[in-house]
Amino acid sequence: MRGSSILRQIVAESSSRIAQPPRVPAPRGSINTPSAFLAAIGRDSPKKLSGPLSGWQQWEDMWKTDGEVLKDAGVGVKDRRYFLWCLEKFRAGGDPSEFAIPAKPKKKFRGYGTFVSLSTID
């Protein structure tokens, strides 16, 4: 029993020493407002997120947002996950021009396509 309490104490002390990124990072370069951040991450984020979350007037307000707030505001799952992922990347020191991923374009063809339908004709 005594050994496990010592182990717990060591684990607790070592986990508190791990350097974690600041919860509200300082603005960097041209990204100093929530609207500039949304424009930098792309995917039409200013249009999708600024409407339902117009309460973001300060830089700190954006960083206090979590998935539940976005869900209650009516933001879709993919947009919600992408936005939170971008927040974490920026918080860790990344540049949006490096980690921003463009949205996948819609499919243009449905079904089997012309090749399959033409090859079945005898």
PDB file of N, CA and C in Angstrom:
ATOM      1  N   MET A   1       0.803  -1.196   0.000  1.00  0.00           N
ATOM      2  CA  MET A   1       0.000   0.000   0.000  1.00  0.00           C
ATOM      3  C   MET A   1       0.849   1.265   0.000  1.00  0.00           C
ATOM      4  N   ARG A   2       1.905   1.227   0.779  1.00  0.00           N
ATOM      5  CA  ARG A   2       2.716   2.420   0.897  1.00  0.00           C
ATOM      6  C   ARG A   2       3.434   2.738  -0.413  1.00  0.00           C
ATOM      7  N   GLY A   3       3.840   1.718  -1.141  1.00  0.00           N
ATOM      8  CA  GLY A   3       4.536   1.914  -2.406  1.00  0.00           C
ATOM      9  C   GLY A   3       3.660   2.591  -3.449  1.00  0.00           C
ATOM     10  N   SER A   4       2.377   2.271  -3.439  1.00  0.00           N
ATOM     11  CA  SER A   4       1.486   2.867  -4.430  1.00  0.00           C
ATOM     12  C   SER A   4       1.252   4.348  -4.146  1.00  0.00           C
ATOM     13  N   SER A   5       1.253   4.750  -2.876  1.00  0.00           N
ATOM     14  CA  SER A   5       1.067   6.171  -2.572  1.00  0.00           C
ATOM     15  C   SER A   5       2.295   6.979  -2.992  1.00  0.00           C
ATOM     16  N   ILE A   6       3.466   6.384  -2.869  1.00  0.00           N
ATOM     17  CA  ILE A   6       4.687   7.061  -3.313  1.00  0.00           C
ATOM     18  C   ILE A   6       4.668   7.193  -4.829  1.00  0.00           C
ATOM     19  N   LEU A   7       4.233   6.152  -5.513  1.00  0.00           N
ATOM     20  CA  LEU A   7       4.146   6.188  -6.970  1.00  0.00           C
ATOM     21  C   LEU A   7       3.159   7.267  -7.427  1.00  0.00           C
ATOM     22  N   ARG A   8       2.020   7.351  -6.762  1.00  0.00           N
ATOM     23  CA  ARG A   8       1.037   8.398  -7.095  1.00  0.00           C
ATOM     24  C   ARG A   8       1.624   9.788  -6.917  1.00  0.00           C
ATOM     25  N   GLN A   9       2.385   9.983  -5.853  1.00  0.00           N
ATOM     26  CA  GLN A   9       2.997  11.276  -5.590  1.00  0.00           C
ATOM     27  C   GLN A   9       4.013  11.625  -6.678  1.00  0.00           C
ATOM     28  N   ILE A  10       4.800  10.654  -7.106  1.00  0.00           N
ATOM     29  CA  ILE A  10       5.791  10.896  -8.154  1.00  0.00           C
ATOM     30  C   ILE A  10       5.097  11.247  -9.463  1.00  0.00           C
ATOM     31  N   VAL A  11       4.045  10.514  -9.798  1.00  0.00           N
ATOM     32  CA  VAL A  11       3.316  10.783 -11.034  1.00  0.00           C
ATOM     33  C   VAL A  11       2.674  12.166 -10.982  1.00  0.00           C
ATOM     34  N   ALA A  12       2.100  12.531  -9.858  1.00  0.00           N
ATOM     35  CA  ALA A  12       1.467  13.844  -9.727  1.00  0.00           C
ATOM     36  C   ALA A  12       2.485  14.971  -9.865  1.00  0.00           C
ATOM     37  N   GLU A  13       3.659  14.799  -9.275  1.00  0.00           N
ATOM     38  CA  GLU A  13       4.683  15.834  -9.360  1.00  0.00           C
ATOM     39  C   GLU A  13       5.247  15.951 -10.770  1.00  0.00           C
ATOM     40  N   SER A  14       5.450  14.817 -11.430  1.00  0.00           N
ATOM     41  CA  SER A  14       6.026  14.872 -12.768  1.00  0.00           C
ATOM     42  C   SER A  14       5.028  15.429 -13.781  1.00  0.00           C
ATOM     43  N   SER A  15       3.740  15.141 -13.603  1.00  0.00           N
ATOM     44  CA  SER A  15       2.756  15.660 -14.552  1.00  0.00           C
ATOM     45  C   SER A  15       2.556  17.161 -14.384  1.00  0.00           C
ATOM     46  N   SER A  16       2.809  17.683 -13.205  1.00  0.00           N
ATOM     47  CA  SER A  16       2.666  19.124 -13.018  1.00  0.00           C
ATOM     48  C   SER A  16       3.852  19.884 -13.609  1.00  0.00           C
ATOM     49  N   ARG A  17       4.953  19.184 -13.876  1.00  0.00           N
ATOM     50  CA  ARG A  17       6.135  19.833 -14.441  1.00  0.00           C
ATOM     51  C   ARG A  17       6.121  19.886 -15.964  1.00  0.00           C
ATOM     52  N   ILE A  18       5.234  19.139 -16.578  1.00  0.00           N
ATOM     53  CA  ILE A  18       5.185  19.106 -18.042  1.00  0.00           C
ATOM     54  C   ILE A  18       4.753  20.476 -18.541  1.00  0.00           C
ATOM     55  N   ALA A  19       5.534  21.008 -19.466  1.00  0.00           N
ATOM     56  CA  ALA A  19       5.223  22.335 -20.000  1.00  0.00           C
ATOM     57  C   ALA A  19       4.018  22.236 -20.928  1.00  0.00           C
ATOM     58  N   GLN A  20       2.990  22.981 -20.616  1.00  0.00           N
ATOM     59  CA  GLN A  20       1.793  23.011 -21.440  1.00  0.00           C
ATOM     60  C   GLN A  20       1.666  24.389 -22.063  1.00  0.00           C
ATOM     61  N   PRO A  21       1.126  24.441 -23.273  1.00  0.00           N
ATOM     62  CA  PRO A  21       0.976  25.748 -23.908  1.00  0.00           C
ATOM     63  C   PRO A  21       0.001  26.624 -23.121  1.00  0.00           C
ATOM     64  N   PRO A  22       0.152  27.932 -23.196  1.00  0.00           N
ATOM     65  CA  PRO A  22      -0.753  28.809 -22.457  1.00  0.00           C
ATOM     66  C   PRO A  22      -2.174  28.667 -22.985  1.00  0.00           C
ATOM     67  N   ARG A  23      -3.132  28.771 -22.114  1.00  0.00           N
ATOM     68  CA  ARG A  23      -4.525  28.611 -22.512  1.00  0.00           C
ATOM     69  C   ARG A  23      -4.959  29.729 -23.455  1.00  0.00           C
ATOM     70  N   VAL A  24      -4.501  30.949 -23.217  1.00  0.00           N
ATOM     71  CA  VAL A  24      -4.811  32.068 -24.111  1.00  0.00           C
ATOM     72  C   VAL A  24      -3.482  32.587 -24.650  1.00  0.00           C
ATOM     73  N   PRO A  25      -3.106  32.159 -25.865  1.00  0.00           N
ATOM     74  CA  PRO A  25      -1.820  32.599 -26.406  1.00  0.00           C
ATOM     75  C   PRO A  25      -1.858  34.066 -26.818  1.00  0.00           C
ATOM     76  N   ALA A  26      -0.704  34.659 -26.864  1.00  0.00           N
ATOM     77  CA  ALA A  26      -0.606  36.057 -27.300  1.00  0.00           C
ATOM     78  C   ALA A  26      -0.830  36.128 -28.807  1.00  0.00           C
ATOM     79  N   PRO A  27      -1.448  37.205 -29.281  1.00  0.00           N
ATOM     80  CA  PRO A  27      -1.611  37.362 -30.733  1.00  0.00           C
ATOM     81  C   PRO A  27      -0.250  37.414 -31.422  1.00  0.00           C
ATOM     82  N   ARG A  28      -0.187  36.834 -32.624  1.00  0.00           N
ATOM     83  CA  ARG A  28       1.070  36.801 -33.369  1.00  0.00           C
ATOM     84  C   ARG A  28       0.862  37.399 -34.742  1.00  0.00           C
ATOM     85  N   GLY A  29       1.752  38.284 -35.125  1.00  0.00           N
ATOM     86  CA  GLY A  29       1.746  38.862 -36.469  1.00  0.00           C
ATOM     87  C   GLY A  29       0.438  39.568 -36.793  1.00  0.00           C
ATOM     88  N   SER A  30      -0.117  39.215 -37.936  1.00  0.00           N
ATOM     89  CA  SER A  30      -1.359  39.863 -38.368  1.00  0.00           C
ATOM     90  C   SER A  30      -2.587  39.217 -37.738  1.00  0.00           C
ATOM     91  N   ILE A  31      -2.395  38.135 -37.012  1.00  0.00           N
ATOM     92  CA  ILE A  31      -3.523  37.455 -36.372  1.00  0.00           C
ATOM     93  C   ILE A  31      -3.636  37.973 -34.943  1.00  0.00           C
ATOM     94  N   ASN A  32      -4.440  39.021 -34.791  1.00  0.00           N
ATOM     95  CA  ASN A  32      -4.589  39.639 -33.474  1.00  0.00           C
ATOM     96  C   ASN A  32      -6.044  39.839 -33.072  1.00  0.00           C
ATOM     97  N   THR A  33      -6.975  39.408 -33.904  1.00  0.00           N
ATOM     98  CA  THR A  33      -8.403  39.481 -33.586  1.00  0.00           C
ATOM     99  C   THR A  33      -9.055  38.151 -33.944  1.00  0.00           C
ATOM    100  N   PRO A  34     -10.207  37.843 -33.367  1.00  0.00           N
ATOM    101  CA  PRO A  34     -10.898  36.607 -33.740  1.00  0.00           C
ATOM    102  C   PRO A  34     -11.233  36.542 -35.232  1.00  0.00           C
ATOM    103  N   SER A  35     -11.618  37.658 -35.823  1.00  0.00           N
ATOM    104  CA  SER A  35     -11.964  37.641 -37.249  1.00  0.00           C
ATOM    105  C   SER A  35     -10.727  37.373 -38.112  1.00  0.00           C
ATOM    106  N   ALA A  36      -9.575  37.878 -37.710  1.00  0.00           N
ATOM    107  CA  ALA A  36      -8.341  37.608 -38.456  1.00  0.00           C
ATOM    108  C   ALA A  36      -7.951  36.138 -38.342  1.00  0.00           C
ATOM    109  N   PHE A  37      -8.169  35.547 -37.171  1.00  0.00           N
ATOM    110  CA  PHE A  37      -7.878  34.124 -36.992  1.00  0.00           C
ATOM    111  C   PHE A  37      -8.793  33.272 -37.868  1.00  0.00           C
ATOM    112  N   LEU A  38     -10.079  33.600 -37.883  1.00  0.00           N
ATOM    113  CA  LEU A  38     -11.031  32.844 -38.701  1.00  0.00           C
ATOM    114  C   LEU A  38     -10.690  32.955 -40.182  1.00  0.00           C
ATOM    115  N   ALA A  39     -10.279  34.131 -40.611  1.00  0.00           N
ATOM    116  CA  ALA A  39      -9.899  34.310 -42.012  1.00  0.00           C
ATOM    117  C   ALA A  39      -8.631  33.517 -42.328  1.00  0.00           C
ATOM    118  N   ALA A  40      -7.723  33.400 -41.372  1.00  0.00           N
ATOM    119  CA  ALA A  40      -6.458  32.705 -41.605  1.00  0.00           C
ATOM    120  C   ALA A  40      -6.638  31.197 -41.702  1.00  0.00           C
ATOM    121  N   ILE A  41      -7.608  30.628 -40.970  1.00  0.00           N
ATOM    122  CA  ILE A  41      -7.773  29.172 -41.009  1.00  0.00           C
ATOM    123  C   ILE A  41      -8.596  28.725 -42.207  1.00  0.00           C
ATOM    124  N   GLY A  42      -9.258  29.645 -42.875  1.00  0.00           N
ATOM    125  CA  GLY A  42      -9.949  29.322 -44.119  1.00  0.00           C
ATOM    126  C   GLY A  42     -11.239  28.557 -43.938  1.00  0.00           C
ATOM    127  N   ARG A  43     -11.616  27.794 -44.971  1.00  0.00           N
ATOM    128  CA  ARG A  43     -12.842  26.990 -45.005  1.00  0.00           C
ATOM    129  C   ARG A  43     -14.098  27.808 -44.778  1.00  0.00           C
ATOM    130  N   ASP A  44     -14.072  29.044 -45.182  1.00  0.00           N
ATOM    131  CA  ASP A  44     -15.234  29.919 -45.045  1.00  0.00           C
ATOM    132  C   ASP A  44     -15.629  30.093 -43.569  1.00  0.00           C
ATOM    133  N   SER A  45     -14.628  30.005 -42.683  1.00  0.00           N
ATOM    134  CA  SER A  45     -14.875  30.102 -41.245  1.00  0.00           C
ATOM    135  C   SER A  45     -15.470  31.434 -40.801  1.00  0.00           C
ATOM    136  N   PRO A  46     -15.040  32.579 -41.368  1.00  0.00           N
ATOM    137  CA  PRO A  46     -15.669  33.820 -40.914  1.00  0.00           C
ATOM    138  C   PRO A  46     -17.179  33.830 -41.130  1.00  0.00           C
ATOM    139  N   LYS A  47     -17.620  33.243 -42.217  1.00  0.00           N
ATOM    140  CA  LYS A  47     -19.058  33.206 -42.515  1.00  0.00           C
ATOM    141  C   LYS A  47     -19.775  32.213 -41.599  1.00  0.00           C
ATOM    142  N   LYS A  48     -19.166  31.045 -41.378  1.00  0.00           N
ATOM    143  CA  LYS A  48     -19.817  29.994 -40.606  1.00  0.00           C
ATOM    144  C   LYS A  48     -19.822  30.260 -39.102  1.00  0.00           C
ATOM    145  N   LEU A  49     -18.772  30.883 -38.590  1.00  0.00           N
ATOM    146  CA  LEU A  49     -18.634  31.022 -37.143  1.00  0.00           C
ATOM    147  C   LEU A  49     -18.925  32.417 -36.603  1.00  0.00           C
ATOM    148  N   SER A  50     -18.768  33.446 -37.406  1.00  0.00           N
ATOM    149  CA  SER A  50     -18.970  34.796 -36.880  1.00  0.00           C
ATOM    150  C   SER A  50     -20.442  35.097 -36.611  1.00  0.00           C
ATOM    151  N   GLY A  51     -21.331  34.568 -37.417  1.00  0.00           N
ATOM    152  CA  GLY A  51     -22.760  34.825 -37.228  1.00  0.00           C
ATOM    153  C   GLY A  51     -23.271  34.295 -35.903  1.00  0.00           C
ATOM    154  N   PRO A  52     -23.160  32.963 -35.685  1.00  0.00           N
ATOM    155  CA  PRO A  52     -23.682  32.423 -34.434  1.00  0.00           C
ATOM    156  C   PRO A  52     -22.883  32.849 -33.206  1.00  0.00           C
ATOM    157  N   LEU A  53     -21.626  33.181 -33.390  1.00  0.00           N
ATOM    158  CA  LEU A  53     -20.784  33.526 -32.245  1.00  0.00           C
ATOM    159  C   LEU A  53     -20.305  34.970 -32.343  1.00  0.00           C
ATOM    160  N   SER A  54     -21.235  35.872 -32.521  1.00  0.00           N
ATOM    161  CA  SER A  54     -20.869  37.279 -32.689  1.00  0.00           C
ATOM    162  C   SER A  54     -20.400  37.917 -31.385  1.00  0.00           C
ATOM    163  N   GLY A  55     -20.466  37.187 -30.282  1.00  0.00           N
ATOM    164  CA  GLY A  55     -20.026  37.718 -29.001  1.00  0.00           C
ATOM    165  C   GLY A  55     -18.522  37.778 -28.842  1.00  0.00           C
ATOM    166  N   TRP A  56     -17.781  37.321 -29.841  1.00  0.00           N
ATOM    167  CA  TRP A  56     -16.325  37.335 -29.772  1.00  0.00           C
ATOM    168  C   TRP A  56     -15.820  38.719 -30.127  1.00  0.00           C
ATOM    169  N   GLN A  57     -15.723  39.579 -29.175  1.00  0.00           N
ATOM    170  CA  GLN A  57     -15.187  40.914 -29.406  1.00  0.00           C
ATOM    171  C   GLN A  57     -13.708  40.980 -29.037  1.00  0.00           C
ATOM    172  N   GLN A  58     -13.316  40.211 -28.045  1.00  0.00           N
ATOM    173  CA  GLN A  58     -11.938  40.224 -27.567  1.00  0.00           C
ATOM    174  C   GLN A  58     -11.239  38.910 -27.929  1.00  0.00           C
ATOM    175  N   TRP A  59      -9.935  38.961 -27.992  1.00  0.00           N
ATOM    176  CA  TRP A  59      -9.103  37.803 -28.293  1.00  0.00           C
ATOM    177  C   TRP A  59      -9.338  36.678 -27.283  1.00  0.00           C
ATOM    178  N   GLU A  60      -9.481  37.026 -26.010  1.00  0.00           N
ATOM    179  CA  GLU A  60      -9.644  36.033 -24.955  1.00  0.00           C
ATOM    180  C   GLU A  60     -10.976  35.308 -25.058  1.00  0.00           C
ATOM    181  N   ASP A  61     -12.001  35.960 -25.574  1.00  0.00           N
ATOM    182  CA  ASP A  61     -13.321  35.335 -25.682  1.00  0.00           C
ATOM    183  C   ASP A  61     -13.281  34.113 -26.589  1.00  0.00           C
ATOM    184  N   MET A  62     -12.532  34.210 -27.663  1.00  0.00           N
ATOM    185  CA  MET A  62     -12.451  33.101 -28.611  1.00  0.00           C
ATOM    186  C   MET A  62     -11.790  31.880 -27.973  1.00  0.00           C
ATOM    187  N   TRP A  63     -10.809  32.087 -27.136  1.00  0.00           N
ATOM    188  CA  TRP A  63     -10.055  30.982 -26.551  1.00  0.00           C
ATOM    189  C   TRP A  63     -10.803  30.302 -25.417  1.00  0.00           C
ATOM    190  N   LYS A  64     -11.866  30.892 -24.936  1.00  0.00           N
ATOM    191  CA  LYS A  64     -12.681  30.269 -23.889  1.00  0.00           C
ATOM    192  C   LYS A  64     -13.803  29.427 -24.475  1.00  0.00           C
ATOM    193  N   THR A  65     -13.881  29.370 -25.794  1.00  0.00           N
ATOM    194  CA  THR A  65     -14.932  28.628 -26.470  1.00  0.00           C
ATOM    195  C   THR A  65     -14.618  27.143 -26.450  1.00  0.00           C
ATOM    196  N   ASP A  66     -15.639  26.323 -26.208  1.00  0.00           N
ATOM    197  CA  ASP A  66     -15.460  24.875 -26.272  1.00  0.00           C
ATOM    198  C   ASP A  66     -16.493  24.277 -27.220  1.00  0.00           C
ATOM    199  N   GLY A  67     -16.461  22.979 -27.363  1.00  0.00           N
ATOM    200  CA  GLY A  67     -17.335  22.299 -28.301  1.00  0.00           C
ATOM    201  C   GLY A  67     -18.808  22.460 -27.985  1.00  0.00           C
ATOM    202  N   GLU A  68     -19.156  22.507 -26.713  1.00  0.00           N
ATOM    203  CA  GLU A  68     -20.563  22.660 -26.330  1.00  0.00           C
ATOM    204  C   GLU A  68     -21.115  24.010 -26.760  1.00  0.00           C
ATOM    205  N   VAL A  69     -20.320  25.049 -26.621  1.00  0.00           N
ATOM    206  CA  VAL A  69     -20.759  26.390 -27.040  1.00  0.00           C
ATOM    207  C   VAL A  69     -20.983  26.417 -28.543  1.00  0.00           C
ATOM    208  N   LEU A  70     -20.075  25.811 -29.288  1.00  0.00           N
ATOM    209  CA  LEU A  70     -20.215  25.764 -30.743  1.00  0.00           C
ATOM    210  C   LEU A  70     -21.423  24.930 -31.156  1.00  0.00           C
ATOM    211  N   LYS A  71     -21.649  23.833 -30.450  1.00  0.00           N
ATOM    212  CA  LYS A  71     -22.800  22.979 -30.754  1.00  0.00           C
ATOM    213  C   LYS A  71     -24.107  23.713 -30.494  1.00  0.00           C
ATOM    214  N   ASP A  72     -24.181  24.405 -29.372  1.00  0.00           N
ATOM    215  CA  ASP A  72     -25.391  25.170 -29.049  1.00  0.00           C
ATOM    216  C   ASP A  72     -25.619  26.306 -30.035  1.00  0.00           C
ATOM    217  N   ALA A  73     -24.550  26.813 -30.649  1.00  0.00           N
ATOM    218  CA  ALA A  73     -24.675  27.889 -31.628  1.00  0.00           C
ATOM    219  C   ALA A  73     -25.075  27.357 -33.002  1.00  0.00           C
ATOM    220  N   GLY A  74     -25.138  26.034 -33.156  1.00  0.00           N
ATOM    221  CA  GLY A  74     -25.575  25.452 -34.411  1.00  0.00           C
ATOM    222  C   GLY A  74     -24.468  25.219 -35.428  1.00  0.00           C
ATOM    223  N   VAL A  75     -23.225  25.180 -34.985  1.00  0.00           N
ATOM    224  CA  VAL A  75     -22.099  24.930 -35.884  1.00  0.00           C
ATOM    225  C   VAL A  75     -22.032  23.429 -36.149  1.00  0.00           C
ATOM    226  N   GLY A  76     -21.831  23.035 -37.401  1.00  0.00           N
ATOM    227  CA  GLY A  76     -21.772  21.629 -37.783  1.00  0.00           C
ATOM    228  C   GLY A  76     -20.585  20.904 -37.172  1.00  0.00           C
ATOM    229  N   VAL A  77     -20.668  19.585 -37.157  1.00  0.00           N
ATOM    230  CA  VAL A  77     -19.647  18.769 -36.505  1.00  0.00           C
ATOM    231  C   VAL A  77     -18.273  18.953 -37.149  1.00  0.00           C
ATOM    232  N   LYS A  78     -18.190  18.877 -38.474  1.00  0.00           N
ATOM    233  CA  LYS A  78     -16.885  19.003 -39.138  1.00  0.00           C
ATOM    234  C   LYS A  78     -16.277  20.383 -38.911  1.00  0.00           C
ATOM    235  N   ASP A  79     -17.102  21.420 -38.993  1.00  0.00           N
ATOM    236  CA  ASP A  79     -16.600  22.780 -38.766  1.00  0.00           C
ATOM    237  C   ASP A  79     -16.176  22.968 -37.319  1.00  0.00           C
ATOM    238  N   ARG A  80     -16.930  22.385 -36.414  1.00  0.00           N
ATOM    239  CA  ARG A  80     -16.616  22.485 -34.986  1.00  0.00           C
ATOM    240  C   ARG A  80     -15.287  21.803 -34.690  1.00  0.00           C
ATOM    241  N   ARG A  81     -15.107  20.600 -35.191  1.00  0.00           N
ATOM    242  CA  ARG A  81     -13.854  19.875 -34.951  1.00  0.00           C
ATOM    243  C   ARG A  81     -12.661  20.578 -35.587  1.00  0.00           C
ATOM    244  N   TYR A  82     -12.848  21.095 -36.802  1.00  0.00           N
ATOM    245  CA  TYR A  82     -11.754  21.785 -37.479  1.00  0.00           C
ATOM    246  C   TYR A  82     -11.356  23.047 -36.715  1.00  0.00           C
ATOM    247  N   PHE A  83     -12.344  23.816 -36.259  1.00  0.00           N
ATOM    248  CA  PHE A  83     -12.048  25.048 -35.529  1.00  0.00           C
ATOM    249  C   PHE A  83     -11.299  24.749 -34.234  1.00  0.00           C
ATOM    250  N   LEU A  84     -11.752  23.769 -33.465  1.00  0.00           N
ATOM    251  CA  LEU A  84     -11.087  23.436 -32.210  1.00  0.00           C
ATOM    252  C   LEU A  84      -9.678  22.886 -32.459  1.00  0.00           C
ATOM    253  N   TRP A  85      -9.501  22.128 -33.547  1.00  0.00           N
ATOM    254  CA  TRP A  85      -8.178  21.626 -33.912  1.00  0.00           C
ATOM    255  C   TRP A  85      -7.244  22.786 -34.240  1.00  0.00           C
ATOM    256  N   CYS A  86      -7.755  23.773 -34.976  1.00  0.00           N
ATOM    257  CA  CYS A  86      -6.945  24.944 -35.319  1.00  0.00           C
ATOM    258  C   CYS A  86      -6.585  25.752 -34.081  1.00  0.00           C
ATOM    259  N   LEU A  87      -7.511  25.864 -33.141  1.00  0.00           N
ATOM    260  CA  LEU A  87      -7.197  26.563 -31.890  1.00  0.00           C
ATOM    261  C   LEU A  87      -6.025  25.890 -31.179  1.00  0.00           C
ATOM    262  N   GLU A  88      -6.050  24.573 -31.107  1.00  0.00           N
ATOM    263  CA  GLU A  88      -4.972  23.851 -30.417  1.00  0.00           C
ATOM    264  C   GLU A  88      -3.643  23.983 -31.153  1.00  0.00           C
ATOM    265  N   LYS A  89      -3.685  23.936 -32.475  1.00  0.00           N
ATOM    266  CA  LYS A  89      -2.451  24.097 -33.249  1.00  0.00           C
ATOM    267  C   LYS A  89      -1.849  25.488 -33.043  1.00  0.00           C
ATOM    268  N   PHE A  90      -2.698  26.519 -33.052  1.00  0.00           N
ATOM    269  CA  PHE A  90      -2.214  27.885 -32.841  1.00  0.00           C
ATOM    270  C   PHE A  90      -1.700  28.040 -31.417  1.00  0.00           C
ATOM    271  N   ARG A  91      -2.394  27.439 -30.472  1.00  0.00           N
ATOM    272  CA  ARG A  91      -1.992  27.498 -29.066  1.00  0.00           C
ATOM    273  C   ARG A  91      -0.619  26.853 -28.876  1.00  0.00           C
ATOM    274  N   ALA A  92      -0.326  25.820 -29.651  1.00  0.00           N
ATOM    275  CA  ALA A  92       0.961  25.129 -29.550  1.00  0.00           C
ATOM    276  C   ALA A  92       2.073  25.853 -30.298  1.00  0.00           C
ATOM    277  N   GLY A  93       1.754  26.960 -30.970  1.00  0.00           N
ATOM    278  CA  GLY A  93       2.782  27.751 -31.629  1.00  0.00           C
ATOM    279  C   GLY A  93       2.792  27.644 -33.136  1.00  0.00           C
ATOM    280  N   GLY A  94       1.817  26.960 -33.712  1.00  0.00           N
ATOM    281  CA  GLY A  94       1.777  26.797 -35.161  1.00  0.00           C
ATOM    282  C   GLY A  94       1.279  28.038 -35.880  1.00  0.00           C
ATOM    283  N   ASP A  95       1.612  28.119 -37.154  1.00  0.00           N
ATOM    284  CA  ASP A  95       1.174  29.219 -37.998  1.00  0.00           C
ATOM    285  C   ASP A  95       0.028  28.719 -38.874  1.00  0.00           C
ATOM    286  N   PRO A  96      -1.103  29.430 -38.923  1.00  0.00           N
ATOM    287  CA  PRO A  96      -2.240  28.961 -39.721  1.00  0.00           C
ATOM    288  C   PRO A  96      -1.919  28.746 -41.196  1.00  0.00           C
ATOM    289  N   SER A  97      -0.968  29.466 -41.734  1.00  0.00           N
ATOM    290  CA  SER A  97      -0.632  29.252 -43.142  1.00  0.00           C
ATOM    291  C   SER A  97       0.002  27.880 -43.359  1.00  0.00           C
ATOM    292  N   GLU A  98       0.532  27.268 -42.299  1.00  0.00           N
ATOM    293  CA  GLU A  98       1.148  25.953 -42.407  1.00  0.00           C
ATOM    294  C   GLU A  98       0.171  24.821 -42.095  1.00  0.00           C
ATOM    295  N   PHE A  99      -0.743  25.028 -41.145  1.00  0.00           N
ATOM    296  CA  PHE A  99      -1.595  23.916 -40.750  1.00  0.00           C
ATOM    297  C   PHE A  99      -3.023  23.986 -41.287  1.00  0.00           C
ATOM    298  N   ALA A 100      -3.437  25.094 -41.882  1.00  0.00           N
ATOM    299  CA  ALA A 100      -4.799  25.200 -42.405  1.00  0.00           C
ATOM    300  C   ALA A 100      -4.982  24.248 -43.579  1.00  0.00           C
ATOM    301  N   ILE A 101      -6.078  23.516 -43.545  1.00  0.00           N
ATOM    302  CA  ILE A 101      -6.373  22.525 -44.579  1.00  0.00           C
ATOM    303  C   ILE A 101      -7.619  22.982 -45.333  1.00  0.00           C
ATOM    304  N   PRO A 102      -7.550  23.087 -46.661  1.00  0.00           N
ATOM    305  CA  PRO A 102      -8.743  23.494 -47.408  1.00  0.00           C
ATOM    306  C   PRO A 102      -9.816  22.402 -47.364  1.00  0.00           C
ATOM    307  N   ALA A 103     -11.061  22.795 -47.518  1.00  0.00           N
ATOM    308  CA  ALA A 103     -12.168  21.843 -47.501  1.00  0.00           C
ATOM    309  C   ALA A 103     -12.136  20.975 -48.751  1.00  0.00           C
ATOM    310  N   LYS A 104     -12.625  19.746 -48.613  1.00  0.00           N
ATOM    311  CA  LYS A 104     -12.691  18.854 -49.770  1.00  0.00           C
ATOM    312  C   LYS A 104     -13.796  19.338 -50.702  1.00  0.00           C
ATOM    313  N   PRO A 105     -13.536  19.361 -52.008  1.00  0.00           N
ATOM    314  CA  PRO A 105     -14.593  19.773 -52.936  1.00  0.00           C
ATOM    315  C   PRO A 105     -15.676  18.702 -53.009  1.00  0.00           C
ATOM    316  N   LYS A 106     -16.874  19.116 -53.405  1.00  0.00           N
ATOM    317  CA  LYS A 106     -17.964  18.167 -53.539  1.00  0.00           C
ATOM    318  C   LYS A 106     -17.698  17.214 -54.690  1.00  0.00           C
ATOM    319  N   LYS A 107     -18.242  16.029 -54.580  1.00  0.00           N
ATOM    320  CA  LYS A 107     -18.104  15.049 -55.651  1.00  0.00           C
ATOM    321  C   LYS A 107     -18.880  15.533 -56.869  1.00  0.00           C
ATOM    322  N   LYS A 108     -18.321  15.282 -58.036  1.00  0.00           N
ATOM    323  CA  LYS A 108     -18.976  15.733 -59.261  1.00  0.00           C
ATOM    324  C   LYS A 108     -19.772  14.613 -59.910  1.00  0.00           C
ATOM    325  N   PHE A 109     -19.379  13.381 -59.689  1.00  0.00           N
ATOM    326  CA  PHE A 109     -20.038  12.254 -60.336  1.00  0.00           C
ATOM    327  C   PHE A 109     -20.643  11.345 -59.282  1.00  0.00           C
ATOM    328  N   ARG A 110     -21.796  10.864 -59.573  1.00  0.00           N
ATOM    329  CA  ARG A 110     -22.476   9.911 -58.692  1.00  0.00           C
ATOM    330  C   ARG A 110     -22.626   8.585 -59.440  1.00  0.00           C
ATOM    331  N   GLY A 111     -22.752   7.520 -58.717  1.00  0.00           N
ATOM    332  CA  GLY A 111     -22.967   6.228 -59.347  1.00  0.00           C
ATOM    333  C   GLY A 111     -21.675   5.617 -59.844  1.00  0.00           C
ATOM    334  N   TYR A 112     -21.791   4.774 -60.849  1.00  0.00           N
ATOM    335  CA  TYR A 112     -20.639   4.039 -61.353  1.00  0.00           C
ATOM    336  C   TYR A 112     -19.822   4.820 -62.367  1.00  0.00           C
ATOM    337  N   GLY A 113     -20.407   5.774 -63.021  1.00  0.00           N
ATOM    338  CA  GLY A 113     -19.678   6.547 -64.010  1.00  0.00           C
ATOM    339  C   GLY A 113     -19.859   5.995 -65.410  1.00  0.00           C
ATOM    340  N   THR A 114     -19.370   6.717 -66.380  1.00  0.00           N
ATOM    341  CA  THR A 114     -19.588   6.343 -67.772  1.00  0.00           C
ATOM    342  C   THR A 114     -18.765   5.133 -68.177  1.00  0.00           C
ATOM    343  N   PHE A 115     -17.581   4.943 -67.611  1.00  0.00           N
ATOM    344  CA  PHE A 115     -16.730   3.831 -68.009  1.00  0.00           C
ATOM    345  C   PHE A 115     -17.406   2.493 -67.704  1.00  0.00           C
ATOM    346  N   VAL A 116     -17.950   2.352 -66.504  1.00  0.00           N
ATOM    347  CA  VAL A 116     -18.575   1.103 -66.105  1.00  0.00           C
ATOM    348  C   VAL A 116     -19.844   0.862 -66.912  1.00  0.00           C
ATOM    349  N   SER A 117     -20.650   1.898 -67.106  1.00  0.00           N
ATOM    350  CA  SER A 117     -21.904   1.703 -67.821  1.00  0.00           C
ATOM    351  C   SER A 117     -21.667   1.388 -69.309  1.00  0.00           C
ATOM    352  N   LEU A 118     -20.610   1.938 -69.911  1.00  0.00           N
ATOM    353  CA  LEU A 118     -20.323   1.642 -71.304  1.00  0.00           C
ATOM    354  C   LEU A 118     -19.699   0.267 -71.477  1.00  0.00           C
ATOM    355  N   SER A 119     -18.942  -0.207 -70.514  1.00  0.00           N
ATOM    356  CA  SER A 119     -18.276  -1.494 -70.654  1.00  0.00           C
ATOM    357  C   SER A 119     -19.255  -2.669 -70.474  1.00  0.00           C
ATOM    358  N   THR A 120     -20.415  -2.436 -69.900  1.00  0.00           N
ATOM    359  CA  THR A 120     -21.382  -3.523 -69.713  1.00  0.00           C
ATOM    360  C   THR A 120     -22.262  -3.713 -70.933  1.00  0.00           C
ATOM    361  N   ILE A 121     -22.222  -2.785 -71.874  1.00  0.00           N
ATOM    362  CA  ILE A 121     -23.033  -2.890 -73.082  1.00  0.00           C
ATOM    363  C   ILE A 121     -22.329  -3.833 -74.047  1.00  0.00           C
ATOM    364  N   ASP A 122     -23.027  -4.861 -74.552  1.00  0.00           N
ATOM    365  CA  ASP A 122     -22.432  -5.805 -75.496  1.00  0.00           C
ATOM    366  C   ASP A 122     -22.662  -5.429 -76.913  1.00  0.00           C
TER     367      ASP A 122
END
